[in-house]
N, C-alpha and C. Protein backbone atom coordinates (compact mmCIF):
# COMPACT_ATOMS: atom_id res chain seq x y z
N UNK A 1 0.85 -1.26 -0.03
CA UNK A 1 -0.05 0.02 -0.17
C UNK A 1 0.97 1.44 -0.08
N UNK A 2 0.48 2.23 -0.87
CA UNK A 2 1.43 3.55 -0.86
C UNK A 2 0.85 4.35 0.38
N UNK A 3 2.23 5.05 0.70
CA UNK A 3 1.92 5.69 1.95
C UNK A 3 1.37 7.41 1.75
N UNK A 4 1.02 7.71 2.55
CA UNK A 4 0.49 9.13 2.64
C UNK A 4 1.20 10.21 1.89
N UNK A 5 2.66 10.08 2.37
CA UNK A 5 3.73 10.89 2.01
C UNK A 5 4.00 10.64 0.58
N UNK A 6 4.14 9.52 0.28
CA UNK A 6 4.22 9.06 -1.27
C UNK A 6 3.01 9.35 -2.09
N UNK A 7 1.88 9.38 -1.84
CA UNK A 7 1.07 9.66 -2.58
C UNK A 7 0.76 11.02 -2.76
N UNK A 8 1.35 12.00 -1.78
CA UNK A 8 0.86 13.38 -2.23
C UNK A 8 2.56 13.66 -2.75
N UNK A 9 3.47 13.25 -2.31
CA UNK A 9 4.61 13.14 -3.36
C UNK A 9 4.70 13.21 -4.85
N UNK A 10 3.95 12.26 -5.29
CA UNK A 10 3.35 12.00 -6.59
C UNK A 10 2.79 13.19 -7.10
N UNK A 11 1.72 13.67 -6.27
CA UNK A 11 0.44 14.85 -6.80
C UNK A 11 1.00 16.18 -6.54
N UNK A 12 2.37 16.23 -6.04
CA UNK A 12 2.82 17.29 -5.66
C UNK A 12 2.76 18.48 -6.67
N UNK A 13 3.04 18.62 -7.98
CA UNK A 13 3.00 19.71 -8.92
C UNK A 13 1.69 19.68 -9.30
N UNK A 14 0.89 18.82 -9.29
CA UNK A 14 -0.61 19.15 -9.57
C UNK A 14 -1.84 19.17 -8.57
N UNK A 15 -1.10 19.43 -7.47
CA UNK A 15 -2.22 19.36 -6.23
C UNK A 15 -2.92 20.43 -6.17
N UNK A 16 -2.49 21.71 -6.57
CA UNK A 16 -3.48 22.87 -6.38
C UNK A 16 -4.47 22.77 -7.75
N UNK A 17 -4.15 22.33 -8.37
CA UNK A 17 -5.04 22.18 -9.75
C UNK A 17 -5.89 21.20 -9.46
N UNK A 18 -5.69 19.94 -8.80
CA UNK A 18 -6.62 18.70 -8.47
C UNK A 18 -7.99 19.17 -7.25
N UNK A 19 -7.04 20.25 -6.35
CA UNK A 19 -8.14 20.35 -5.18
C UNK A 19 -9.28 21.51 -5.59
N UNK A 20 -8.86 22.20 -6.59
CA UNK A 20 -10.02 23.02 -7.31
C UNK A 20 -11.16 22.33 -7.61
N UNK A 21 -10.86 21.16 -8.30
CA UNK A 21 -11.62 20.32 -8.90
C UNK A 21 -12.23 19.07 -8.00
N UNK A 22 -11.83 19.08 -6.83
CA UNK A 22 -12.00 17.96 -5.87
C UNK A 22 -12.99 18.42 -4.75
N UNK A 23 -12.86 19.70 -4.31
CA UNK A 23 -13.45 20.15 -3.23
C UNK A 23 -14.74 21.08 -3.73
N UNK A 24 -15.84 21.02 -3.32
CA UNK A 24 -17.01 21.79 -3.53
C UNK A 24 -16.73 23.20 -3.01
N UNK A 25 -16.96 24.10 -3.32
CA UNK A 25 -17.04 25.48 -2.74
C UNK A 25 -15.76 25.39 -1.78
N UNK A 26 -14.55 25.23 -2.50
CA UNK A 26 -13.41 25.41 -1.98
C UNK A 26 -12.99 26.98 -1.30
N UNK A 27 -13.03 28.13 -2.44
CA UNK A 27 -13.01 29.26 -2.13
C UNK A 27 -13.63 29.76 -0.80
N UNK A 28 -15.05 29.15 -0.74
CA UNK A 28 -15.94 29.66 0.40
C UNK A 28 -15.28 29.08 1.77
N UNK A 29 -14.69 27.60 1.63
CA UNK A 29 -14.15 27.00 2.70
C UNK A 29 -13.17 27.88 3.29
N UNK A 30 -12.16 28.11 2.45
CA UNK A 30 -11.19 28.95 2.69
C UNK A 30 -11.17 30.21 3.33
N UNK A 31 -12.47 30.78 2.83
CA UNK A 31 -12.68 32.41 3.34
C UNK A 31 -13.10 32.16 4.66
N UNK A 32 -13.99 31.02 4.82
CA UNK A 32 -14.45 31.03 6.26
C UNK A 32 -13.47 30.54 7.41
N UNK A 33 -12.30 30.17 6.99
CA UNK A 33 -11.31 29.75 7.89
C UNK A 33 -10.94 31.18 8.54
N UNK A 34 -11.04 32.32 7.98
CA UNK A 34 -10.46 33.65 8.29
C UNK A 34 -11.61 34.59 8.86
N UNK A 35 -12.89 34.44 8.04
CA UNK A 35 -14.09 35.46 8.45
C UNK A 35 -14.11 35.42 10.00
N UNK A 36 -13.87 34.55 10.87
CA UNK A 36 -14.65 34.74 12.20
C UNK A 36 -13.24 34.92 13.44
N UNK A 37 -12.03 35.15 12.54
CA UNK A 37 -11.16 35.74 13.48
C UNK A 37 -11.33 36.97 14.16
N UNK A 38 -11.22 37.41 15.87
CA UNK A 38 -11.48 38.61 15.98
C UNK A 38 -10.76 39.56 15.29
N UNK A 39 -11.42 41.01 15.18
CA UNK A 39 -10.91 42.13 14.46
C UNK A 39 -9.31 42.55 15.11
N UNK A 40 -9.41 42.39 16.15
CA UNK A 40 -8.07 43.02 17.06
C UNK A 40 -6.94 41.63 17.07
N UNK A 41 -7.36 40.54 16.49
CA UNK A 41 -6.38 39.60 16.79
C UNK A 41 -5.37 39.36 15.65
N UNK A 42 -4.02 39.68 16.18
CA UNK A 42 -2.86 39.88 15.32
C UNK A 42 -1.57 38.77 15.54
N UNK A 43 -1.93 37.80 15.29
CA UNK A 43 -1.00 36.49 15.85
C UNK A 43 0.80 37.08 15.36
N UNK A 44 1.40 36.59 15.97
CA UNK A 44 2.88 37.05 15.64
C UNK A 44 3.76 35.54 14.99
N UNK A 45 3.28 34.66 15.63
CA UNK A 45 3.52 33.15 15.17
C UNK A 45 2.34 32.33 14.74
N UNK A 46 2.51 31.60 13.49
CA UNK A 46 1.50 30.88 12.94
C UNK A 46 1.80 29.62 12.50
N UNK A 47 1.32 28.30 12.83
CA UNK A 47 1.59 27.37 12.30
C UNK A 47 0.43 26.71 11.13
N UNK A 48 1.03 26.38 10.05
CA UNK A 48 0.13 25.75 8.95
C UNK A 48 0.39 24.14 9.12
N UNK A 49 -0.63 23.62 9.66
CA UNK A 49 -0.57 21.98 9.73
C UNK A 49 -1.05 21.39 8.45
N UNK A 50 0.01 20.66 7.84
CA UNK A 50 -0.39 20.01 6.53
C UNK A 50 -0.18 21.19 5.36
N UNK A 51 0.55 22.01 5.03
CA UNK A 51 0.50 22.98 4.46
C UNK A 51 0.21 22.77 2.83
N UNK A 52 0.57 21.46 2.35
CA UNK A 52 0.25 21.26 1.17
C UNK A 52 1.41 22.17 0.29
N UNK A 53 0.61 22.99 -0.99
CA UNK A 53 1.43 23.64 -1.78
C UNK A 53 1.37 24.95 -1.65
N UNK A 54 0.55 25.35 -0.44
CA UNK A 54 0.65 26.65 0.18
C UNK A 54 -0.75 27.51 0.02
N UNK A 55 -1.88 26.98 -0.36
CA UNK A 55 -2.81 27.43 -0.75
C UNK A 55 -3.23 28.38 0.51
N UNK A 56 -3.29 27.72 1.77
CA UNK A 56 -3.72 28.19 2.74
C UNK A 56 -2.47 29.22 3.63
N UNK A 57 -1.41 28.86 3.40
CA UNK A 57 -0.18 29.80 3.44
C UNK A 57 -0.08 31.34 3.04
N UNK A 58 -0.74 31.11 1.55
CA UNK A 58 -0.83 32.29 0.89
C UNK A 58 -1.71 33.21 1.53
N UNK A 59 -3.01 32.71 2.08
CA UNK A 59 -3.77 33.73 2.78
C UNK A 59 -3.37 33.92 4.23
N UNK A 60 -2.80 33.09 4.75
CA UNK A 60 -1.99 33.84 6.07
C UNK A 60 -1.37 35.07 5.75
N UNK A 61 -0.30 34.75 4.44
CA UNK A 61 0.55 36.02 4.32
C UNK A 61 -0.48 37.14 3.96
N UNK A 62 -1.44 37.05 3.26
CA UNK A 62 -2.16 38.25 2.95
C UNK A 62 -2.86 38.64 4.38
N UNK A 63 -3.38 38.05 5.03
CA UNK A 63 -4.14 38.60 6.31
C UNK A 63 -3.29 39.01 7.30
N UNK A 64 -1.92 38.07 7.42
CA UNK A 64 -1.29 38.78 8.71
C UNK A 64 0.45 38.49 8.07
N UNK A 65 0.67 39.79 7.18
CA UNK A 65 1.83 39.98 6.37
C UNK A 65 3.10 39.79 7.40
N UNK A 66 2.91 40.32 8.70
CA UNK A 66 4.15 40.38 9.50
C UNK A 66 4.27 39.30 10.26
N UNK A 67 3.35 38.24 10.27
CA UNK A 67 3.69 37.30 11.16
C UNK A 67 4.73 36.37 10.56
N UNK A 68 5.27 35.50 11.68
CA UNK A 68 6.31 34.52 11.24
C UNK A 68 5.25 33.38 10.91
N UNK A 69 5.92 32.34 10.02
CA UNK A 69 4.84 31.29 9.48
C UNK A 69 5.63 30.06 9.52
N UNK A 70 5.15 28.57 9.95
CA UNK A 70 5.75 27.42 10.05
C UNK A 70 4.77 26.83 9.30
N UNK A 71 5.45 26.46 8.07
CA UNK A 71 4.79 25.42 7.06
C UNK A 71 5.00 24.14 7.27
N UNK A 72 4.27 23.39 7.74
CA UNK A 72 4.55 21.97 7.99
C UNK A 72 3.81 21.05 7.12
N UNK A 73 4.33 20.05 6.63
CA UNK A 73 3.93 18.93 6.13
C UNK A 73 4.58 17.69 5.98
N UNK A 74 4.04 16.31 5.73
CA UNK A 74 4.72 15.03 5.60
C UNK A 74 5.38 14.81 4.49
N UNK A 75 4.87 15.40 3.32
CA UNK A 75 5.65 15.28 1.84
C UNK A 75 6.62 16.26 1.70
N UNK A 76 7.86 15.63 1.42
CA UNK A 76 9.13 16.47 0.93
C UNK A 76 8.94 17.11 -0.16
N UNK A 77 8.26 16.40 -1.12
CA UNK A 77 7.99 17.01 -2.62
C UNK A 77 6.98 18.18 -2.42
N UNK A 78 5.90 18.08 -1.50
CA UNK A 78 4.97 19.10 -1.51
C UNK A 78 5.48 20.25 -0.85
N UNK A 79 6.45 20.03 0.07
CA UNK A 79 7.14 21.29 0.40
C UNK A 79 7.98 21.80 -0.40
N UNK A 80 8.81 21.20 -1.42
CA UNK A 80 9.73 21.55 -2.65
C UNK A 80 8.66 22.69 -3.26
N UNK A 81 7.31 22.23 -3.53
CA UNK A 81 6.58 23.03 -4.19
C UNK A 81 6.09 24.45 -3.48
N UNK A 82 6.11 24.41 -2.09
CA UNK A 82 5.69 25.38 -1.42
C UNK A 82 6.81 26.29 -1.34
N UNK A 83 7.99 25.98 -1.25
CA UNK A 83 9.01 26.65 -1.49
C UNK A 83 9.19 27.35 -2.52
N UNK A 84 8.92 26.92 -3.53
CA UNK A 84 9.21 27.47 -5.03
C UNK A 84 8.16 28.67 -5.01
N UNK A 85 6.93 28.27 -4.66
CA UNK A 85 5.60 29.19 -4.83
C UNK A 85 6.34 30.40 -3.66
N UNK A 86 6.62 30.48 -2.74
CA UNK A 86 7.05 31.63 -1.69
C UNK A 86 8.43 31.78 -1.88
N UNK A 87 9.47 31.81 -2.87
CA UNK A 87 10.82 31.90 -2.81
C UNK A 87 11.34 33.09 -2.41
N UNK A 88 10.61 33.96 -2.49
CA UNK A 88 10.60 35.37 -2.29
C UNK A 88 10.31 36.37 -0.84
N UNK A 89 9.78 34.95 -0.10
CA UNK A 89 9.21 35.24 1.02
C UNK A 89 10.11 34.79 2.22
N UNK A 90 10.50 35.78 2.80
CA UNK A 90 11.50 35.54 4.13
C UNK A 90 11.06 34.88 5.45
N UNK A 91 9.74 35.15 5.55
CA UNK A 91 9.03 34.94 7.19
C UNK A 91 8.36 33.42 7.07
N UNK A 92 8.96 32.50 6.23
CA UNK A 92 8.32 31.27 6.42
C UNK A 92 9.17 30.15 6.69
N UNK A 93 9.16 29.40 7.61
CA UNK A 93 10.10 28.06 7.75
C UNK A 93 9.16 27.21 7.48
N UNK A 94 9.98 26.03 6.75
CA UNK A 94 9.55 24.81 6.06
C UNK A 94 9.89 23.77 7.46
N UNK A 95 8.95 22.74 7.72
CA UNK A 95 9.27 21.68 8.62
C UNK A 95 8.87 20.40 8.05
N UNK A 96 9.33 19.53 7.67
CA UNK A 96 8.65 18.05 7.27
C UNK A 96 8.44 17.26 8.26
N UNK A 97 7.38 17.05 8.84
CA UNK A 97 6.71 16.11 10.18
C UNK A 97 5.53 15.40 9.79
N UNK A 98 5.44 14.07 10.84
CA UNK A 98 4.33 13.48 10.60
C UNK A 98 3.40 13.91 11.78
N UNK A 99 2.17 14.15 11.45
CA UNK A 99 1.17 14.54 12.80
C UNK A 99 1.35 13.35 13.91
N UNK A 100 1.52 12.26 13.52
CA UNK A 100 1.38 11.13 14.44
C UNK A 100 2.47 11.44 15.55
N UNK A 101 3.53 12.09 15.19
CA UNK A 101 4.67 12.28 16.19
C UNK A 101 5.16 13.41 16.31
N UNK A 102 4.43 14.24 16.25
CA UNK A 102 4.31 15.79 16.54
C UNK A 102 4.81 16.23 17.72
N UNK A 103 5.70 16.91 17.87
CA UNK A 103 6.24 17.41 19.24
C UNK A 103 6.32 19.15 18.99
N UNK A 104 5.58 19.99 19.58
CA UNK A 104 5.69 21.34 19.48
C UNK A 104 6.22 22.20 20.52
N UNK A 105 6.90 23.16 20.81
CA UNK A 105 7.21 23.97 21.53
C UNK A 105 6.26 24.65 22.43
N UNK A 106 5.89 24.23 24.16
CA UNK A 106 5.00 24.96 24.75
C UNK A 106 4.91 26.44 24.37
N UNK A 107 3.43 26.63 24.05
CA UNK A 107 3.26 28.25 23.94
C UNK A 107 4.01 28.87 22.91
N UNK A 108 4.29 28.18 21.61
CA UNK A 108 5.04 28.63 20.64
C UNK A 108 4.08 29.59 19.58
N UNK A 109 2.88 29.10 19.42
CA UNK A 109 2.20 29.68 18.39
C UNK A 109 0.81 30.70 18.83
N UNK A 110 0.69 31.47 18.44
CA UNK A 110 -0.87 32.21 18.61
C UNK A 110 -1.76 32.02 17.80
N UNK A 111 -1.52 31.24 16.66
CA UNK A 111 -2.51 30.56 15.53
C UNK A 111 -2.34 29.43 15.14
N UNK A 112 -2.98 28.42 15.26
CA UNK A 112 -2.78 27.33 14.37
C UNK A 112 -3.84 26.94 13.40
N UNK A 113 -3.51 26.71 12.10
CA UNK A 113 -4.76 26.33 11.17
C UNK A 113 -4.26 25.21 10.26
N UNK A 114 -5.17 24.63 9.77
CA UNK A 114 -5.05 23.41 8.89
C UNK A 114 -6.28 23.08 7.79
N UNK A 115 -5.83 22.71 6.61
CA UNK A 115 -6.75 22.58 5.80
C UNK A 115 -7.01 21.16 4.97
N UNK A 116 -8.04 20.25 5.40
CA UNK A 116 -7.93 18.87 4.65
C UNK A 116 -6.80 18.23 4.83
N UNK A 117 -6.73 18.05 6.19
CA UNK A 117 -5.21 17.31 6.37
C UNK A 117 -5.47 16.22 7.62
N UNK A 118 -6.19 16.84 8.54
CA UNK A 118 -6.27 15.94 9.79
C UNK A 118 -6.99 14.57 9.73
N UNK A 119 -7.80 14.49 8.63
CA UNK A 119 -8.60 13.01 8.60
C UNK A 119 -7.41 12.16 8.01
N UNK A 120 -6.28 12.51 7.75
CA UNK A 120 -5.07 11.50 7.46
C UNK A 120 -4.79 10.52 8.57
N UNK A 121 -5.30 11.05 9.81
CA UNK A 121 -4.55 10.09 10.87
C UNK A 121 -5.82 9.63 11.78
N UNK A 122 -5.58 8.38 12.64
CA UNK A 122 -6.74 7.65 13.07
C UNK A 122 -6.88 8.47 14.12
N UNK A 123 -8.20 8.45 14.99
CA UNK A 123 -9.00 9.05 15.87
C UNK A 123 -7.84 9.38 16.98
N UNK A 124 -7.21 7.98 17.50
CA UNK A 124 -6.68 8.20 18.70
C UNK A 124 -5.47 9.21 18.38
N UNK A 125 -5.03 9.34 17.08
CA UNK A 125 -3.90 10.07 16.75
C UNK A 125 -4.45 11.88 16.83
N UNK A 126 -5.63 11.84 16.25
CA UNK A 126 -6.48 13.05 16.39
C UNK A 126 -6.50 13.56 17.64
N UNK A 127 -6.76 12.85 18.53
CA UNK A 127 -6.77 13.39 20.05
C UNK A 127 -5.58 13.72 20.52
N UNK A 128 -4.40 13.15 20.23
CA UNK A 128 -3.27 13.37 21.00
C UNK A 128 -2.84 14.80 20.19
N UNK A 129 -3.03 14.94 18.77
CA UNK A 129 -2.77 15.97 18.06
C UNK A 129 -3.56 17.28 18.60
N UNK A 130 -4.66 17.28 18.74
CA UNK A 130 -5.38 18.47 19.65
C UNK A 130 -4.69 18.68 20.87
N UNK A 131 -4.43 17.79 21.47
CA UNK A 131 -3.65 18.25 23.13
C UNK A 131 -2.27 18.79 22.70
N UNK A 132 -1.80 18.22 21.81
CA UNK A 132 -0.42 19.14 21.18
C UNK A 132 -0.51 20.30 20.91
N UNK A 133 -1.55 20.60 19.95
CA UNK A 133 -1.73 21.81 19.69
C UNK A 133 -2.20 23.02 20.47
N UNK A 134 -2.91 22.28 21.60
CA UNK A 134 -3.47 22.91 22.76
C UNK A 134 -2.20 23.63 23.64
N UNK A 135 -1.49 22.70 24.18
CA UNK A 135 -0.12 23.20 24.56
C UNK A 135 0.80 24.04 24.04
N UNK A 136 0.69 23.98 22.63
CA UNK A 136 1.82 24.96 21.80
C UNK A 136 1.06 26.12 21.48
N UNK A 137 -0.13 26.43 22.08
CA UNK A 137 -0.84 27.70 21.70
C UNK A 137 -0.52 28.67 22.74
N UNK A 138 -0.46 29.99 22.69
CA UNK A 138 -0.40 30.96 23.84
C UNK A 138 -1.69 30.94 24.19
N UNK A 139 -1.77 31.88 25.42
CA UNK A 139 -2.93 32.17 26.41
C UNK A 139 -4.01 32.86 25.22
N UNK A 140 -5.24 32.47 25.23
CA UNK A 140 -6.23 32.71 24.19
C UNK A 140 -6.04 32.40 22.46
N UNK A 141 -4.84 31.58 22.49
CA UNK A 141 -4.48 31.34 21.20
C UNK A 141 -5.94 30.38 20.58
N UNK A 142 -5.57 30.51 19.11
CA UNK A 142 -6.79 30.05 18.32
C UNK A 142 -6.34 29.07 17.32
N UNK A 143 -7.25 27.85 17.52
CA UNK A 143 -7.01 26.79 16.31
C UNK A 143 -8.18 26.60 15.57
N UNK A 144 -7.86 26.69 14.05
CA UNK A 144 -8.89 26.74 13.25
C UNK A 144 -8.64 25.60 12.11
N UNK A 145 -9.39 24.58 11.88
CA UNK A 145 -9.04 23.69 11.00
C UNK A 145 -10.45 23.35 10.07
N UNK A 146 -10.05 23.04 8.52
CA UNK A 146 -11.09 22.69 7.67
C UNK A 146 -10.97 21.16 7.58
N UNK A 147 -11.87 20.47 7.58
CA UNK A 147 -11.52 18.97 6.96
C UNK A 147 -12.41 18.48 6.54
N UNK A 148 -12.30 17.02 5.94
CA UNK A 148 -13.50 16.40 5.80
C UNK A 148 -14.26 15.53 7.16
N UNK A 149 -15.30 15.49 7.06
CA UNK A 149 -15.83 14.70 8.31
C UNK A 149 -16.85 13.68 7.99
N UNK A 150 -17.14 12.91 8.70
CA UNK A 150 -18.11 11.60 8.74
C UNK A 150 -19.58 12.32 9.08
N UNK A 151 -20.81 11.92 8.24
CA UNK A 151 -21.78 12.06 8.75
C UNK A 151 -22.09 11.54 9.84
N UNK A 152 -23.29 11.90 10.91
CA UNK A 152 -23.78 11.32 12.10
C UNK A 152 -23.93 9.87 11.95
N UNK A 153 -24.82 9.67 10.57
CA UNK A 153 -25.18 8.32 10.59
C UNK A 153 -24.83 7.83 9.22
N UNK A 154 -24.38 6.72 8.84
CA UNK A 154 -24.11 6.03 7.73
C UNK A 154 -24.70 6.57 6.40
N UNK A 155 -26.09 6.70 6.52
CA UNK A 155 -26.99 7.07 5.60
C UNK A 155 -26.57 8.49 5.25
N UNK A 156 -26.27 9.36 6.22
CA UNK A 156 -26.05 10.88 5.83
C UNK A 156 -24.84 10.60 4.98
N UNK A 157 -23.87 10.12 5.64
CA UNK A 157 -22.43 9.85 5.01
C UNK A 157 -22.56 9.59 3.79
N UNK A 158 -23.17 8.46 3.50
CA UNK A 158 -23.09 7.94 2.17
C UNK A 158 -23.90 8.94 0.93
N UNK A 159 -24.81 9.67 1.47
CA UNK A 159 -25.57 10.65 0.62
C UNK A 159 -24.52 12.02 0.33
N UNK A 160 -23.70 12.10 1.26
CA UNK A 160 -22.58 13.29 1.12
C UNK A 160 -21.72 12.76 0.01
N UNK A 161 -21.25 11.73 0.09
CA UNK A 161 -20.32 11.27 -0.76
C UNK A 161 -20.85 11.24 -2.12
N UNK A 162 -22.02 10.60 -2.00
CA UNK A 162 -22.90 10.78 -3.84
C UNK A 162 -22.79 12.35 -4.24
N UNK A 163 -23.34 13.17 -3.25
CA UNK A 163 -23.44 14.73 -3.86
C UNK A 163 -21.97 15.17 -3.91
N UNK A 164 -20.91 14.65 -3.42
CA UNK A 164 -19.57 15.13 -3.45
C UNK A 164 -19.23 14.79 -5.20
N UNK A 165 -19.44 13.54 -5.57
CA UNK A 165 -19.21 12.89 -7.11
C UNK A 165 -19.57 13.88 -7.56
N UNK A 166 -20.98 14.03 -7.43
CA UNK A 166 -21.75 14.86 -8.29
C UNK A 166 -21.09 16.49 -8.87
N UNK A 167 -20.79 16.91 -7.65
CA UNK A 167 -20.22 18.26 -7.77
C UNK A 167 -18.75 18.18 -8.32
N UNK A 168 -18.11 17.27 -8.10
CA UNK A 168 -16.72 17.39 -8.37
C UNK A 168 -16.68 16.93 -9.89
N UNK A 169 -17.48 16.08 -10.62
CA UNK A 169 -17.65 16.14 -11.74
C UNK A 169 -18.22 17.58 -12.52
N UNK A 170 -18.84 18.45 -12.11
CA UNK A 170 -19.49 19.52 -12.51
C UNK A 170 -18.16 20.45 -12.36
N UNK A 171 -17.32 20.48 -11.30
CA UNK A 171 -16.06 21.28 -11.22
C UNK A 171 -14.88 20.60 -12.23
N UNK A 172 -15.05 19.60 -13.15
CA UNK A 172 -13.71 19.45 -14.01
C UNK A 172 -13.34 18.32 -13.39
N UNK A 173 -13.70 17.44 -12.55
CA UNK A 173 -12.86 16.25 -12.27
C UNK A 173 -13.43 15.17 -13.27
N UNK A 174 -12.34 14.14 -13.34
CA UNK A 174 -12.65 13.15 -14.29
C UNK A 174 -13.06 11.82 -13.57
N UNK A 175 -13.59 10.66 -14.24
CA UNK A 175 -13.55 9.55 -13.74
C UNK A 175 -12.25 8.80 -13.11
N UNK A 176 -11.01 9.04 -13.77
CA UNK A 176 -10.09 8.86 -13.23
C UNK A 176 -9.74 9.63 -11.89
N UNK A 177 -9.82 11.21 -11.83
CA UNK A 177 -9.53 11.81 -10.75
C UNK A 177 -10.30 11.09 -9.62
N UNK A 178 -11.81 10.85 -9.79
CA UNK A 178 -12.37 10.47 -8.68
C UNK A 178 -11.92 8.68 -8.21
N UNK A 179 -11.63 8.22 -9.19
CA UNK A 179 -11.04 6.93 -8.77
C UNK A 179 -10.08 6.92 -8.18
N UNK A 180 -8.98 7.98 -8.50
CA UNK A 180 -7.96 8.16 -7.49
C UNK A 180 -8.17 8.65 -5.96
N UNK A 181 -9.12 9.46 -5.90
CA UNK A 181 -9.46 9.83 -4.50
C UNK A 181 -9.97 8.78 -3.88
N UNK A 182 -10.91 8.22 -4.47
CA UNK A 182 -11.64 7.07 -3.51
C UNK A 182 -10.56 5.81 -3.19
N UNK A 183 -9.88 5.54 -4.17
CA UNK A 183 -8.62 4.84 -3.69
C UNK A 183 -7.89 5.28 -2.46
N UNK A 184 -7.33 6.35 -2.70
CA UNK A 184 -6.64 7.13 -1.41
C UNK A 184 -7.54 7.13 -0.25
N UNK A 185 -8.88 7.51 -0.38
CA UNK A 185 -9.91 7.57 0.92
C UNK A 185 -9.77 6.12 1.39
N UNK A 186 -10.08 5.10 0.88
CA UNK A 186 -10.23 3.65 1.40
C UNK A 186 -9.00 3.32 2.11
N UNK A 187 -7.75 3.94 1.83
CA UNK A 187 -6.55 3.55 2.09
C UNK A 187 -6.13 4.42 3.31
N UNK A 188 -6.40 5.62 3.23
CA UNK A 188 -5.85 6.41 4.16
C UNK A 188 -6.62 7.53 5.04
N UNK A 189 -7.73 7.61 4.75
CA UNK A 189 -8.83 8.62 5.38
C UNK A 189 -9.47 8.03 6.94
N UNK A 190 -9.66 8.83 7.42
CA UNK A 190 -10.29 8.14 8.80
C UNK A 190 -11.33 9.63 8.95
N UNK A 191 -12.59 9.56 8.42
CA UNK A 191 -13.31 10.41 8.75
C UNK A 191 -14.26 10.37 10.06
N UNK A 192 -14.59 11.48 10.81
CA UNK A 192 -15.07 11.58 11.88
C UNK A 192 -16.00 12.65 12.33
N UNK A 193 -17.39 12.29 12.93
CA UNK A 193 -18.58 13.08 12.78
C UNK A 193 -17.96 14.52 13.55
N UNK A 194 -18.38 15.70 13.08
CA UNK A 194 -18.35 16.96 13.99
C UNK A 194 -18.11 16.91 15.68
N UNK A 195 -19.34 16.18 15.90
CA UNK A 195 -19.57 16.56 17.41
C UNK A 195 -18.33 15.76 18.08
N UNK A 196 -17.94 14.89 17.45
CA UNK A 196 -16.77 13.99 18.21
C UNK A 196 -15.59 14.71 18.19
N UNK A 197 -15.17 15.87 17.00
CA UNK A 197 -14.23 16.57 17.22
C UNK A 197 -14.28 17.68 18.16
N UNK A 198 -15.39 18.21 18.11
CA UNK A 198 -15.69 19.29 19.40
C UNK A 198 -15.75 18.84 20.71
N UNK A 199 -15.93 17.63 20.81
CA UNK A 199 -15.71 16.72 22.18
C UNK A 199 -14.25 16.63 22.54
N UNK A 200 -13.60 16.00 21.46
CA UNK A 200 -12.10 16.15 21.73
C UNK A 200 -11.24 16.96 21.84
N UNK A 201 -11.55 18.17 21.39
CA UNK A 201 -11.33 19.55 21.53
C UNK A 201 -11.26 19.98 23.02
N UNK A 202 -12.70 20.10 23.42
CA UNK A 202 -12.89 20.32 24.70
C UNK A 202 -12.01 19.34 25.70
N UNK A 203 -11.88 17.90 25.53
CA UNK A 203 -11.31 17.24 26.25
C UNK A 203 -9.88 17.61 26.18
N UNK A 204 -9.45 18.01 25.28
CA UNK A 204 -7.77 18.63 25.46
C UNK A 204 -7.64 19.93 25.92
N UNK A 205 -8.63 20.45 26.66
CA UNK A 205 -8.64 21.87 27.20
C UNK A 205 -9.22 22.91 26.62
N UNK A 206 -9.70 22.90 25.57
CA UNK A 206 -10.00 24.20 24.79
C UNK A 206 -11.46 24.82 25.62
N UNK A 207 -11.51 25.90 25.68
CA UNK A 207 -12.73 26.56 26.19
C UNK A 207 -13.69 26.91 25.45
N UNK A 208 -13.17 27.23 24.34
CA UNK A 208 -14.46 27.86 23.25
C UNK A 208 -14.24 26.88 21.92
N UNK A 209 -15.44 26.05 21.68
CA UNK A 209 -15.31 25.35 20.55
C UNK A 209 -16.70 25.82 19.54
N UNK A 210 -16.43 25.58 18.10
CA UNK A 210 -17.66 25.88 17.40
C UNK A 210 -17.56 25.38 16.18
N UNK A 211 -18.68 24.89 15.24
CA UNK A 211 -18.41 24.48 13.79
C UNK A 211 -18.84 25.94 13.15
N UNK A 212 -17.88 26.40 12.34
CA UNK A 212 -18.15 27.60 11.73
C UNK A 212 -18.92 27.34 10.34
N UNK A 213 -18.58 26.54 9.79
CA UNK A 213 -19.20 26.23 8.31
C UNK A 213 -19.08 24.71 7.93
N UNK A 214 -20.27 24.45 7.17
CA UNK A 214 -20.24 23.08 6.71
C UNK A 214 -20.77 22.58 5.29
N UNK A 215 -20.31 22.05 4.65
CA UNK A 215 -20.80 21.71 3.22
C UNK A 215 -20.73 20.19 3.04
N UNK A 216 -21.43 19.35 2.86
CA UNK A 216 -21.24 18.10 2.72
C UNK A 216 -20.12 17.37 3.70
N UNK A 217 -19.03 17.06 3.22
CA UNK A 217 -18.14 16.28 3.98
C UNK A 217 -17.24 17.52 4.88
N UNK A 218 -17.19 18.66 4.33
CA UNK A 218 -16.52 19.64 4.84
C UNK A 218 -16.87 20.50 5.73
N UNK A 219 -16.03 20.45 6.92
CA UNK A 219 -16.52 21.39 8.06
C UNK A 219 -15.47 22.22 8.21
N UNK A 220 -15.63 23.68 8.76
CA UNK A 220 -14.49 24.22 9.57
C UNK A 220 -14.67 24.41 10.75
N UNK A 221 -13.92 24.15 11.51
CA UNK A 221 -13.86 23.89 13.08
C UNK A 221 -13.03 25.04 13.89
N UNK A 222 -13.71 25.80 15.09
CA UNK A 222 -13.01 26.58 15.75
C UNK A 222 -12.76 26.14 17.18
N UNK A 223 -11.46 26.39 17.53
CA UNK A 223 -11.08 26.36 19.08
C UNK A 223 -10.46 27.15 19.71
N UNK A 224 -10.70 27.62 20.77
CA UNK A 224 -9.73 28.65 21.47
C UNK A 224 -9.28 28.19 22.97
N UNK A 225 -8.24 28.83 23.28
CA UNK A 225 -7.58 28.16 24.34
C UNK A 225 -7.96 29.15 25.54
């Protein structure tokens, strides 16, 4: 079985193009990751968990141009693509690491964000990751992530998958693209219902949690220390 990092190594040069065709309302999802940040919130240190080729990183730079950004991903080739994209930007540091064995310095970030990456690890590791993020945030620090989730029932979940397929084809995905994503999903994806995420974030210590936005499988979730 191909590993997650190998899958994204192979897709690295096409990732940004494919994600637009794969994820319905992708620009809306990304917009809602920033829409609810407090107007006076000015993070100095930001972590992009699972940065991919830098779509979220780019929005971080536009929103907080003075911030220091750590862009972290498991795929070496993906990070190379991101480095090329932001070759003229001095305030980005690149980190190759696995979410399952992540160790972050306590109080090292004011803001941690992630897009469509956390579902690649099992629930046990998600719980550990949320605790790791919590201790890595400064006081009142914020964690916002967008990810694929599972419906609260199998019927809801499968209807969401079916609707997703219809929308992906409207966006330009081919049958080959869809088969690739489904093969990857069957091997590496661990979708979890939204209430589970909110409960595990509370268990990790976060005092404020909320679902900010949701469409089919995709949800944007907020947590504040």
